[in-house]
PDB file of all heavy atoms in Angstrom:
ATOM      1  N   GLU A   1      95.660 125.937  83.208  1.00  0.00           N
ATOM      2  CA  GLU A   1      95.457 127.388  83.059  1.00  0.00           C
ATOM      3  C   GLU A   1      95.928 128.171  84.285  1.00  0.00           C
ATOM      4  O   GLU A   1      96.329 129.327  84.179  1.00  0.00           O
ATOM      5  CB  GLU A   1      93.981 127.671  82.794  1.00  0.00           C
ATOM      6  CG  GLU A   1      93.512 127.193  81.408  1.00  0.00           C
ATOM      7  CD  GLU A   1      92.015 127.311  81.232  1.00  0.00           C
ATOM      8  OE1 GLU A   1      91.348 127.787  82.196  1.00  0.00           O
ATOM      9  OE2 GLU A   1      91.489 126.924  80.158  1.00  0.00           O
ATOM     10  N   ASN A   2      95.875 127.520  85.444  1.00  0.00           N
ATOM     11  CA  ASN A   2      96.328 128.174  86.681  1.00  0.00           C
ATOM     12  C   ASN A   2      97.838 128.071  86.882  1.00  0.00           C
ATOM     13  O   ASN A   2      98.353 128.459  87.935  1.00  0.00           O
ATOM     14  CB  ASN A   2      95.603 127.583  87.888  1.00  0.00           C
ATOM     15  CG  ASN A   2      94.134 127.958  87.916  1.00  0.00           C
ATOM     16  OD1 ASN A   2      93.735 129.009  87.415  1.00  0.00           O
ATOM     17  ND2 ASN A   2      93.307 127.092  88.516  1.00  0.00           N
ATOM     18  N   GLY A   3      98.525 127.517  85.899  1.00  0.00           N
ATOM     19  CA  GLY A   3      99.985 127.503  85.945  1.00  0.00           C
ATOM     20  C   GLY A   3     100.620 126.205  86.384  1.00  0.00           C
ATOM     21  O   GLY A   3     101.842 126.125  86.532  1.00  0.00           O
ATOM     22  N   ALA A   4      99.829 125.144  86.616  1.00  0.00           N
ATOM     23  CA  ALA A   4     100.384 123.867  87.061  1.00  0.00           C
ATOM     24  C   ALA A   4     101.132 123.192  85.914  1.00  0.00           C
ATOM     25  O   ALA A   4     100.623 123.105  84.796  1.00  0.00           O
ATOM     26  CB  ALA A   4      99.289 122.950  87.582  1.00  0.00           C
ATOM     27  N   PHE A   5     102.332 122.729  86.175  1.00  0.00           N
ATOM     28  CA  PHE A   5     103.104 122.022  85.163  1.00  0.00           C
ATOM     29  C   PHE A   5     102.559 120.611  84.948  1.00  0.00           C
ATOM     30  O   PHE A   5     102.497 120.122  83.838  1.00  0.00           O
ATOM     31  CB  PHE A   5     104.579 121.962  85.574  1.00  0.00           C
ATOM     32  CG  PHE A   5     105.445 121.237  84.596  1.00  0.00           C
ATOM     33  CD1 PHE A   5     105.776 121.815  83.376  1.00  0.00           C
ATOM     34  CD2 PHE A   5     105.926 119.960  84.881  1.00  0.00           C
ATOM     35  CE1 PHE A   5     106.575 121.133  82.459  1.00  0.00           C
ATOM     36  CE2 PHE A   5     106.722 119.283  83.980  1.00  0.00           C
ATOM     37  CZ  PHE A   5     107.052 119.864  82.765  1.00  0.00           C
ATOM     38  N   ASN A   6     102.172 119.951  86.053  1.00  0.00           N
ATOM     39  CA  ASN A   6     101.605 118.608  86.008  1.00  0.00           C
ATOM     40  C   ASN A   6     100.434 118.546  86.983  1.00  0.00           C
ATOM     41  O   ASN A   6     100.632 118.404  88.190  1.00  0.00           O
ATOM     42  CB  ASN A   6     102.653 117.557  86.370  1.00  0.00           C
ATOM     43  CG  ASN A   6     102.115 116.129  86.276  1.00  0.00           C
ATOM     44  OD1 ASN A   6     100.938 115.897  85.984  1.00  0.00           O
ATOM     45  ND2 ASN A   6     102.981 115.153  86.535  1.00  0.00           N
ATOM     46  N   PRO A   7      99.205 118.616  86.502  1.00  0.00           N
ATOM     47  CA  PRO A   7      98.039 118.604  87.394  1.00  0.00           C
ATOM     48  C   PRO A   7      97.943 117.360  88.274  1.00  0.00           C
ATOM     49  O   PRO A   7      97.306 117.391  89.330  1.00  0.00           O
ATOM     50  CB  PRO A   7      96.853 118.673  86.420  1.00  0.00           C
ATOM     51  CG  PRO A   7      97.405 119.332  85.196  1.00  0.00           C
ATOM     52  CD  PRO A   7      98.812 118.836  85.096  1.00  0.00           C
ATOM     53  N   PHE A   8      98.544 116.245  87.849  1.00  0.00           N
ATOM     54  CA  PHE A   8      98.510 115.024  88.645  1.00  0.00           C
ATOM     55  C   PHE A   8      99.404 115.118  89.881  1.00  0.00           C
ATOM     56  O   PHE A   8      99.223 114.356  90.832  1.00  0.00           O
ATOM     57  CB  PHE A   8      98.932 113.816  87.810  1.00  0.00           C
ATOM     58  CG  PHE A   8      97.874 113.326  86.872  1.00  0.00           C
ATOM     59  CD1 PHE A   8      97.759 113.836  85.597  1.00  0.00           C
ATOM     60  CD2 PHE A   8      96.976 112.335  87.263  1.00  0.00           C
ATOM     61  CE1 PHE A   8      96.775 113.392  84.727  1.00  0.00           C
ATOM     62  CE2 PHE A   8      95.992 111.866  86.400  1.00  0.00           C
ATOM     63  CZ  PHE A   8      95.894 112.405  85.128  1.00  0.00           C
ATOM     64  N   ASP A   9     100.354 116.028  89.860  1.00  0.00           N
ATOM     65  CA  ASP A   9     101.289 116.192  90.976  1.00  0.00           C
ATOM     66  C   ASP A   9     100.655 117.103  92.023  1.00  0.00           C
ATOM     67  O   ASP A   9     100.887 118.304  92.062  1.00  0.00           O
ATOM     68  CB  ASP A   9     102.613 116.769  90.477  1.00  0.00           C
ATOM     69  CG  ASP A   9     103.720 116.664  91.512  1.00  0.00           C
ATOM     70  OD1 ASP A   9     103.479 116.094  92.600  1.00  0.00           O
ATOM     71  OD2 ASP A   9     104.838 117.131  91.235  1.00  0.00           O
ATOM     72  N   THR A  10      99.839 116.530  92.897  1.00  0.00           N
ATOM     73  CA  THR A  10      99.086 117.283  93.883  1.00  0.00           C
ATOM     74  C   THR A  10      99.125 116.579  95.226  1.00  0.00           C
ATOM     75  O   THR A  10      99.460 115.392  95.309  1.00  0.00           O
ATOM     76  CB  THR A  10      97.624 117.472  93.426  1.00  0.00           C
ATOM     77  OG1 THR A  10      96.880 118.126  94.441  1.00  0.00           O
ATOM     78  CG2 THR A  10      96.981 116.133  93.127  1.00  0.00           C
ATOM     79  N   GLU A  11      98.763 117.301  96.292  1.00  0.00           N
ATOM     80  CA  GLU A  11      98.778 116.747  97.636  1.00  0.00           C
ATOM     81  C   GLU A  11      97.514 115.961  97.959  1.00  0.00           C
ATOM     82  O   GLU A  11      97.430 115.331  98.995  1.00  0.00           O
ATOM     83  CB  GLU A  11      98.952 117.875  98.662  1.00  0.00           C
ATOM     84  CG  GLU A  11     100.347 118.485  98.680  1.00  0.00           C
ATOM     85  CD  GLU A  11     101.403 117.513  99.220  1.00  0.00           C
ATOM     86  OE1 GLU A  11     101.159 116.897 100.256  1.00  0.00           O
ATOM     87  OE2 GLU A  11     102.447 117.371  98.572  1.00  0.00           O
ATOM     88  N   ASN A  12      96.511 116.007  97.095  1.00  0.00           N
ATOM     89  CA  ASN A  12      95.297 115.230  97.291  1.00  0.00           C
ATOM     90  C   ASN A  12      95.393 113.882  96.573  1.00  0.00           C
ATOM     91  O   ASN A  12      96.189 113.717  95.643  1.00  0.00           O
ATOM     92  CB  ASN A  12      94.073 115.980  96.762  1.00  0.00           C
ATOM     93  CG  ASN A  12      93.773 117.225  97.573  1.00  0.00           C
ATOM     94  OD1 ASN A  12      93.943 117.248  98.782  1.00  0.00           O
ATOM     95  ND2 ASN A  12      93.332 118.279  96.901  1.00  0.00           N
ATOM     96  N   ILE A  13      94.596 112.924  97.019  1.00  0.00           N
ATOM     97  CA  ILE A  13      94.490 111.666  96.293  1.00  0.00           C
ATOM     98  C   ILE A  13      93.848 111.942  94.946  1.00  0.00           C
ATOM     99  O   ILE A  13      92.811 112.588  94.861  1.00  0.00           O
ATOM    100  CB  ILE A  13      93.652 110.643  97.093  1.00  0.00           C
ATOM    101  CG1 ILE A  13      94.331 110.325  98.425  1.00  0.00           C
ATOM    102  CG2 ILE A  13      93.451 109.362  96.288  1.00  0.00           C
ATOM    103  CD1 ILE A  13      93.495 109.471  99.346  1.00  0.00           C
ATOM    104  N   VAL A  14      94.461 111.470  93.880  1.00  0.00           N
ATOM    105  CA  VAL A  14      93.970 111.712  92.527  1.00  0.00           C
ATOM    106  C   VAL A  14      93.134 110.518  92.079  1.00  0.00           C
ATOM    107  O   VAL A  14      93.566 109.372  92.181  1.00  0.00           O
ATOM    108  CB  VAL A  14      95.124 111.952  91.544  1.00  0.00           C
ATOM    109  CG1 VAL A  14      94.578 112.152  90.126  1.00  0.00           C
ATOM    110  CG2 VAL A  14      95.950 113.158  91.962  1.00  0.00           C
ATOM    111  N   ILE A  15      91.937 110.797  91.574  1.00  0.00           N
ATOM    112  CA  ILE A  15      91.035 109.763  91.050  1.00  0.00           C
ATOM    113  C   ILE A  15      90.842 110.017  89.564  1.00  0.00           C
ATOM    114  O   ILE A  15      90.437 111.106  89.156  1.00  0.00           O
ATOM    115  CB  ILE A  15      89.684 109.778  91.788  1.00  0.00           C
ATOM    116  CG1 ILE A  15      89.895 109.545  93.289  1.00  0.00           C
ATOM    117  CG2 ILE A  15      88.749 108.713  91.215  1.00  0.00           C
ATOM    118  CD1 ILE A  15      88.633 109.703  94.107  1.00  0.00           C
ATOM    119  N   SER A  16      91.111 109.010  88.752  1.00  0.00           N
ATOM    120  CA  SER A  16      91.036 109.159  87.295  1.00  0.00           C
ATOM    121  C   SER A  16      90.359 107.949  86.675  1.00  0.00           C
ATOM    122  O   SER A  16      90.461 106.832  87.186  1.00  0.00           O
ATOM    123  CB  SER A  16      92.442 109.333  86.706  1.00  0.00           C
ATOM    124  OG  SER A  16      92.431 109.257  85.286  1.00  0.00           O
ATOM    125  N   SER A  17      89.666 108.170  85.570  1.00  0.00           N
ATOM    126  CA  SER A  17      89.089 107.064  84.815  1.00  0.00           C
ATOM    127  C   SER A  17      90.178 106.362  84.010  1.00  0.00           C
ATOM    128  O   SER A  17      91.267 106.903  83.792  1.00  0.00           O
ATOM    129  CB  SER A  17      87.994 107.568  83.871  1.00  0.00           C
ATOM    130  OG  SER A  17      88.566 108.330  82.813  1.00  0.00           O
ATOM    131  N   LEU A  18      89.890 105.147  83.580  1.00  0.00           N
ATOM    132  CA  LEU A  18      90.841 104.388  82.776  1.00  0.00           C
ATOM    133  C   LEU A  18      91.171 105.117  81.481  1.00  0.00           C
ATOM    134  O   LEU A  18      92.346 105.228  81.099  1.00  0.00           O
ATOM    135  CB  LEU A  18      90.266 103.003  82.457  1.00  0.00           C
ATOM    136  CG  LEU A  18      90.107 102.043  83.646  1.00  0.00           C
ATOM    137  CD1 LEU A  18      89.116 100.949  83.308  1.00  0.00           C
ATOM    138  CD2 LEU A  18      91.451 101.424  83.994  1.00  0.00           C
ATOM    139  N   GLN A  19      90.140 105.626  80.807  1.00  0.00           N
ATOM    140  CA  GLN A  19      90.331 106.302  79.536  1.00  0.00           C
ATOM    141  C   GLN A  19      91.158 107.567  79.696  1.00  0.00           C
ATOM    142  O   GLN A  19      92.049 107.849  78.901  1.00  0.00           O
ATOM    143  CB  GLN A  19      88.976 106.621  78.906  1.00  0.00           C
ATOM    144  CG  GLN A  19      89.036 107.128  77.466  1.00  0.00           C
ATOM    145  CD  GLN A  19      89.422 106.050  76.487  1.00  0.00           C
ATOM    146  OE1 GLN A  19      89.100 104.893  76.686  1.00  0.00           O
ATOM    147  NE2 GLN A  19      90.132 106.413  75.430  1.00  0.00           N
ATOM    148  N   PHE A  20      90.869 108.338  80.754  1.00  0.00           N
ATOM    149  CA  PHE A  20      91.604 109.581  80.965  1.00  0.00           C
ATOM    150  C   PHE A  20      93.052 109.290  81.362  1.00  0.00           C
ATOM    151  O   PHE A  20      93.969 110.008  80.949  1.00  0.00           O
ATOM    152  CB  PHE A  20      90.926 110.420  82.045  1.00  0.00           C
ATOM    153  CG  PHE A  20      91.409 111.838  82.101  1.00  0.00           C
ATOM    154  CD1 PHE A  20      90.954 112.765  81.179  1.00  0.00           C
ATOM    155  CD2 PHE A  20      92.320 112.250  83.049  1.00  0.00           C
ATOM    156  CE1 PHE A  20      91.399 114.080  81.202  1.00  0.00           C
ATOM    157  CE2 PHE A  20      92.766 113.561  83.093  1.00  0.00           C
ATOM    158  CZ  PHE A  20      92.306 114.472  82.164  1.00  0.00           C
ATOM    159  N   ALA A  21      93.255 108.246  82.161  1.00  0.00           N
ATOM    160  CA  ALA A  21      94.611 107.854  82.528  1.00  0.00           C
ATOM    161  C   ALA A  21      95.420 107.478  81.298  1.00  0.00           C
ATOM    162  O   ALA A  21      96.605 107.796  81.196  1.00  0.00           O
ATOM    163  CB  ALA A  21      94.572 106.683  83.516  1.00  0.00           C
ATOM    164  N   LYS A  22      94.767 106.808  80.366  1.00  0.00           N
ATOM    165  CA  LYS A  22      95.448 106.444  79.126  1.00  0.00           C
ATOM    166  C   LYS A  22      95.816 107.681  78.313  1.00  0.00           C
ATOM    167  O   LYS A  22      96.929 107.786  77.782  1.00  0.00           O
ATOM    168  CB  LYS A  22      94.555 105.502  78.323  1.00  0.00           C
ATOM    169  CG  LYS A  22      95.170 105.035  77.000  1.00  0.00           C
ATOM    170  CD  LYS A  22      94.481 105.621  75.814  1.00  0.00           C
ATOM    171  CE  LYS A  22      95.011 105.093  74.498  1.00  0.00           C
ATOM    172  NZ  LYS A  22      94.343 105.695  73.316  1.00  0.00           N
ATOM    173  N   SER A  23      94.893 108.638  78.227  1.00  0.00           N
ATOM    174  CA  SER A  23      95.139 109.838  77.422  1.00  0.00           C
ATOM    175  C   SER A  23      96.189 110.749  78.052  1.00  0.00           C
ATOM    176  O   SER A  23      96.845 111.515  77.347  1.00  0.00           O
ATOM    177  CB  SER A  23      93.833 110.611  77.215  1.00  0.00           C
ATOM    178  OG  SER A  23      93.334 111.117  78.445  1.00  0.00           O
ATOM    179  N   LYS A  24      96.365 110.686  79.372  1.00  0.00           N
ATOM    180  CA  LYS A  24      97.339 111.536  80.072  1.00  0.00           C
ATOM    181  C   LYS A  24      98.471 110.701  80.663  1.00  0.00           C
ATOM    182  O   LYS A  24      99.044 111.033  81.697  1.00  0.00           O
ATOM    183  CB  LYS A  24      96.640 112.331  81.183  1.00  0.00           C
ATOM    184  CG  LYS A  24      95.449 113.164  80.713  1.00  0.00           C
ATOM    185  CD  LYS A  24      95.852 114.211  79.679  1.00  0.00           C
ATOM    186  CE  LYS A  24      94.647 115.027  79.231  1.00  0.00           C
ATOM    187  NZ  LYS A  24      94.991 115.995  78.130  1.00  0.00           N
ATOM    188  N   ALA A  25      98.809 109.626  79.987  1.00  0.00           N
ATOM    189  CA  ALA A  25      99.814 108.692  80.502  1.00  0.00           C
ATOM    190  C   ALA A  25     101.165 109.367  80.744  1.00  0.00           C
ATOM    191  O   ALA A  25     101.881 109.018  81.688  1.00  0.00           O
ATOM    192  CB  ALA A  25      99.973 107.520  79.530  1.00  0.00           C
ATOM    193  N   ALA A  26     101.519 110.321  79.913  1.00  0.00           N
ATOM    194  CA  ALA A  26     102.812 110.995  80.062  1.00  0.00           C
ATOM    195  C   ALA A  26     102.895 111.739  81.400  1.00  0.00           C
ATOM    196  O   ALA A  26     103.934 111.740  82.067  1.00  0.00           O
ATOM    197  CB  ALA A  26     103.031 111.966  78.905  1.00  0.00           C
ATOM    198  N   TYR A  27     101.796 112.372  81.798  1.00  0.00           N
ATOM    199  CA  TYR A  27     101.763 113.081  83.080  1.00  0.00           C
ATOM    200  C   TYR A  27     101.816 112.095  84.248  1.00  0.00           C
ATOM    201  O   TYR A  27     102.481 112.357  85.258  1.00  0.00           O
ATOM    202  CB  TYR A  27     100.499 113.944  83.180  1.00  0.00           C
ATOM    203  CG  TYR A  27     100.477 115.113  82.236  1.00  0.00           C
ATOM    204  CD1 TYR A  27      99.905 114.997  80.968  1.00  0.00           C
ATOM    205  CD2 TYR A  27     101.012 116.342  82.602  1.00  0.00           C
ATOM    206  CE1 TYR A  27      99.879 116.073  80.094  1.00  0.00           C
ATOM    207  CE2 TYR A  27     100.985 117.427  81.736  1.00  0.00           C
ATOM    208  CZ  TYR A  27     100.426 117.281  80.486  1.00  0.00           C
ATOM    209  OH  TYR A  27     100.393 118.349  79.627  1.00  0.00           O
ATOM    210  N   ILE A  28     101.106 110.987  84.117  1.00  0.00           N
ATOM    211  CA  ILE A  28     101.100 109.973  85.176  1.00  0.00           C
ATOM    212  C   ILE A  28     102.488 109.361  85.332  1.00  0.00           C
ATOM    213  O   ILE A  28     102.968 109.146  86.443  1.00  0.00           O
ATOM    214  CB  ILE A  28     100.054 108.882  84.862  1.00  0.00           C
ATOM    215  CG1 ILE A  28      98.638 109.471  84.984  1.00  0.00           C
ATOM    216  CG2 ILE A  28     100.215 107.680  85.788  1.00  0.00           C
ATOM    217  CD1 ILE A  28      97.535 108.512  84.606  1.00  0.00           C
ATOM    218  N   LYS A  29     103.145 109.089  84.215  1.00  0.00           N
ATOM    219  CA  LYS A  29     104.469 108.478  84.250  1.00  0.00           C
ATOM    220  C   LYS A  29     105.498 109.383  84.913  1.00  0.00           C
ATOM    221  O   LYS A  29     106.410 108.906  85.591  1.00  0.00           O
ATOM    222  CB  LYS A  29     104.911 108.128  82.832  1.00  0.00           C
ATOM    223  CG  LYS A  29     106.181 107.289  82.769  1.00  0.00           C
ATOM    224  CD  LYS A  29     106.485 106.861  81.346  1.00  0.00           C
ATOM    225  CE  LYS A  29     107.712 105.957  81.306  1.00  0.00           C
ATOM    226  NZ  LYS A  29     107.972 105.465  79.919  1.00  0.00           N
ATOM    227  N   SER A  30     105.342 110.686  84.747  1.00  0.00           N
ATOM    228  CA  SER A  30     106.318 111.635  85.295  1.00  0.00           C
ATOM    229  C   SER A  30     106.071 111.957  86.766  1.00  0.00           C
ATOM    230  O   SER A  30     106.851 112.691  87.380  1.00  0.00           O
ATOM    231  CB  SER A  30     106.307 112.930  84.485  1.00  0.00           C
ATOM    232  OG  SER A  30     105.053 113.596  84.587  1.00  0.00           O
ATOM    233  N   THR A  31     104.986 111.419  87.343  1.00  0.00           N
ATOM    234  CA  THR A  31     104.669 111.656  88.752  1.00  0.00           C
ATOM    235  C   THR A  31     105.240 110.527  89.609  1.00  0.00           C
ATOM    236  O   THR A  31     105.092 109.352  89.283  1.00  0.00           O
ATOM    237  CB  THR A  31     103.149 111.738  88.973  1.00  0.00           C
ATOM    238  OG1 THR A  31     102.598 112.740  88.108  1.00  0.00           O
ATOM    239  CG2 THR A  31     102.828 112.112  90.416  1.00  0.00           C
ATOM    240  N   ASN A  32     105.866 110.888  90.698  1.00  0.00           N
ATOM    241  CA  ASN A  32     106.515 109.913  91.575  1.00  0.00           C
ATOM    242  C   ASN A  32     105.492 109.342  92.562  1.00  0.00           C
ATOM    243  O   ASN A  32     105.493 109.678  93.749  1.00  0.00           O
ATOM    244  CB  ASN A  32     107.680 110.565  92.316  1.00  0.00           C
ATOM    245  CG  ASN A  32     108.508 109.556  93.094  1.00  0.00           C
ATOM    246  OD1 ASN A  32     108.557 108.371  92.746  1.00  0.00           O
ATOM    247  ND2 ASN A  32     109.160 110.013  94.150  1.00  0.00           N
ATOM    248  N   TRP A  33     104.656 108.450  92.104  1.00  0.00           N
ATOM    249  CA  TRP A  33     103.567 107.912  92.919  1.00  0.00           C
ATOM    250  C   TRP A  33     104.083 107.012  94.031  1.00  0.00           C
ATOM    251  O   TRP A  33     104.944 106.168  93.812  1.00  0.00           O
ATOM    252  CB  TRP A  33     102.591 107.112  92.045  1.00  0.00           C
ATOM    253  CG  TRP A  33     101.966 107.904  90.943  1.00  0.00           C
ATOM    254  CD1 TRP A  33     102.254 107.809  89.603  1.00  0.00           C
ATOM    255  CD2 TRP A  33     100.959 108.906  91.065  1.00  0.00           C
ATOM    256  NE1 TRP A  33     101.494 108.698  88.897  1.00  0.00           N
ATOM    257  CE2 TRP A  33     100.687 109.386  89.772  1.00  0.00           C
ATOM    258  CE3 TRP A  33     100.266 109.448  92.148  1.00  0.00           C
ATOM    259  CZ2 TRP A  33      99.746 110.379  89.525  1.00  0.00           C
ATOM    260  CZ3 TRP A  33      99.334 110.445  91.911  1.00  0.00           C
ATOM    261  CH2 TRP A  33      99.080 110.903  90.609  1.00  0.00           C
ATOM    262  N   ASP A  34     103.521 107.192  95.219  1.00  0.00           N
ATOM    263  CA  ASP A  34     103.794 106.281  96.322  1.00  0.00           C
ATOM    264  C   ASP A  34     102.977 104.997  96.188  1.00  0.00           C
ATOM    265  O   ASP A  34     103.410 103.931  96.621  1.00  0.00           O
ATOM    266  CB  ASP A  34     103.476 106.952  97.664  1.00  0.00           C
ATOM    267  CG  ASP A  34     104.370 108.149  97.929  1.00  0.00           C
ATOM    268  OD1 ASP A  34     105.602 107.994  97.868  1.00  0.00           O
ATOM    269  OD2 ASP A  34     103.830 109.253  98.193  1.00  0.00           O
ATOM    270  N   LEU A  35     101.789 105.120  95.588  1.00  0.00           N
ATOM    271  CA  LEU A  35     100.924 103.963  95.414  1.00  0.00           C
ATOM    272  C   LEU A  35      99.910 104.255  94.317  1.00  0.00           C
ATOM    273  O   LEU A  35      99.377 105.354  94.227  1.00  0.00           O
ATOM    274  CB  LEU A  35     100.185 103.627  96.717  1.00  0.00           C
ATOM    275  CG  LEU A  35      99.215 102.427  96.652  1.00  0.00           C
ATOM    276  CD1 LEU A  35      99.986 101.124  96.487  1.00  0.00           C
ATOM    277  CD2 LEU A  35      98.338 102.366  97.901  1.00  0.00           C
ATOM    278  N   VAL A  36      99.643 103.234  93.490  1.00  0.00           N
ATOM    279  CA  VAL A  36      98.601 103.311  92.465  1.00  0.00           C
ATOM    280  C   VAL A  36      97.616 102.183  92.712  1.00  0.00           C
ATOM    281  O   VAL A  36      98.004 101.014  92.809  1.00  0.00           O
ATOM    282  CB  VAL A  36      99.178 103.195  91.041  1.00  0.00           C
ATOM    283  CG1 VAL A  36      98.043 103.246  90.012  1.00  0.00           C
ATOM    284  CG2 VAL A  36     100.182 104.303  90.770  1.00  0.00           C
ATOM    285  N   ILE A  37      96.337 102.516  92.840  1.00  0.00           N
ATOM    286  CA  ILE A  37      95.273 101.523  93.011  1.00  0.00           C
ATOM    287  C   ILE A  37      94.437 101.497  91.740  1.00  0.00           C
ATOM    288  O   ILE A  37      93.991 102.536  91.256  1.00  0.00           O
ATOM    289  CB  ILE A  37      94.390 101.852  94.224  1.00  0.00           C
ATOM    290  CG1 ILE A  37      95.188 101.649  95.520  1.00  0.00           C
ATOM    291  CG2 ILE A  37      93.138 100.975  94.246  1.00  0.00           C
ATOM    292  CD1 ILE A  37      94.416 101.991  96.775  1.00  0.00           C
ATOM    293  N   ILE A  38      94.219 100.299  91.202  1.00  0.00           N
ATOM    294  CA  ILE A  38      93.398 100.126  89.998  1.00  0.00           C
ATOM    295  C   ILE A  38      92.166  99.315  90.378  1.00  0.00           C
ATOM    296  O   ILE A  38      92.277  98.135  90.725  1.00  0.00           O
ATOM    297  CB  ILE A  38      94.171  99.433  88.869  1.00  0.00           C
ATOM    298  CG1 ILE A  38      95.438 100.230  88.521  1.00  0.00           C
ATOM    299  CG2 ILE A  38      93.290  99.305  87.629  1.00  0.00           C
ATOM    300  CD1 ILE A  38      96.290  99.587  87.444  1.00  0.00           C
ATOM    301  N   ASP A  39      91.010  99.948  90.340  1.00  0.00           N
ATOM    302  CA  ASP A  39      89.751  99.282  90.638  1.00  0.00           C
ATOM    303  C   ASP A  39      89.185  98.648  89.376  1.00  0.00           C
ATOM    304  O   ASP A  39      89.409  99.139  88.270  1.00  0.00           O
ATOM    305  CB  ASP A  39      88.757 100.287  91.227  1.00  0.00           C
ATOM    306  CG  ASP A  39      87.530  99.613  91.828  1.00  0.00           C
ATOM    307  OD1 ASP A  39      87.576  98.378  92.074  1.00  0.00           O
ATOM    308  OD2 ASP A  39      86.516 100.306  92.056  1.00  0.00           O
ATOM    309  N   GLU A  40      88.446  97.557  89.531  1.00  0.00           N
ATOM    310  CA  GLU A  40      87.923  96.797  88.391  1.00  0.00           C
ATOM    311  C   GLU A  40      89.056  96.473  87.418  1.00  0.00           C
ATOM    312  O   GLU A  40      88.961  96.667  86.200  1.00  0.00           O
ATOM    313  CB  GLU A  40      86.807  97.571  87.688  1.00  0.00           C
ATOM    314  CG  GLU A  40      85.621  97.945  88.562  1.00  0.00           C
ATOM    315  CD  GLU A  40      84.801  96.747  89.009  1.00  0.00           C
ATOM    316  OE1 GLU A  40      84.838  95.706  88.334  1.00  0.00           O
ATOM    317  OE2 GLU A  40      84.115  96.846  90.042  1.00  0.00           O
ATOM    318  N   ALA A  41      90.141  95.954  87.981  1.00  0.00           N
ATOM    319  CA  ALA A  41      91.368  95.752  87.211  1.00  0.00           C
ATOM    320  C   ALA A  41      91.218  94.729  86.094  1.00  0.00           C
ATOM    321  O   ALA A  41      92.056  94.672  85.194  1.00  0.00           O
ATOM    322  CB  ALA A  41      92.508  95.334  88.150  1.00  0.00           C
ATOM    323  N   HIS A  42      90.163  93.908  86.134  1.00  0.00           N
ATOM    324  CA  HIS A  42      89.965  92.921  85.066  1.00  0.00           C
ATOM    325  C   HIS A  42      89.762  93.585  83.705  1.00  0.00           C
ATOM    326  O   HIS A  42      89.894  92.922  82.678  1.00  0.00           O
ATOM    327  CB  HIS A  42      88.768  92.017  85.381  1.00  0.00           C
ATOM    328  CG  HIS A  42      87.499  92.756  85.665  1.00  0.00           C
ATOM    329  ND1 HIS A  42      87.131  93.133  86.927  1.00  0.00           N
ATOM    330  CD2 HIS A  42      86.528  93.195  84.839  1.00  0.00           C
ATOM    331  CE1 HIS A  42      85.972  93.776  86.863  1.00  0.00           C
ATOM    332  NE2 HIS A  42      85.579  93.825  85.610  1.00  0.00           N
ATOM    333  N   ARG A  43      89.452  94.879  83.699  1.00  0.00           N
ATOM    334  CA  ARG A  43      89.340  95.587  82.430  1.00  0.00           C
ATOM    335  C   ARG A  43      90.684  95.689  81.710  1.00  0.00           C
ATOM    336  O   ARG A  43      90.729  96.002  80.518  1.00  0.00           O
ATOM    337  CB  ARG A  43      88.749  96.974  82.648  1.00  0.00           C
ATOM    338  CG  ARG A  43      87.334  96.964  83.203  1.00  0.00           C
ATOM    339  CD  ARG A  43      86.650  98.280  83.005  1.00  0.00           C
ATOM    340  NE  ARG A  43      85.269  98.252  83.471  1.00  0.00           N
ATOM    341  CZ  ARG A  43      84.346  99.138  83.140  1.00  0.00           C
ATOM    342  NH1 ARG A  43      84.651 100.128  82.327  1.00  0.00           N
ATOM    343  NH2 ARG A  43      83.114  99.058  83.604  1.00  0.00           N
TER     344      ARG A  43
END
């Protein structure tokens, strides 16, 4: 609503749940991540 094209593309560390990451996969894929950390990865 504030005009962001991709809310994941930010200068802060982004924290997301597994379910939300799945639902917004297109936005995550289009972001040029330097590093992705997956906690409780056995899920």
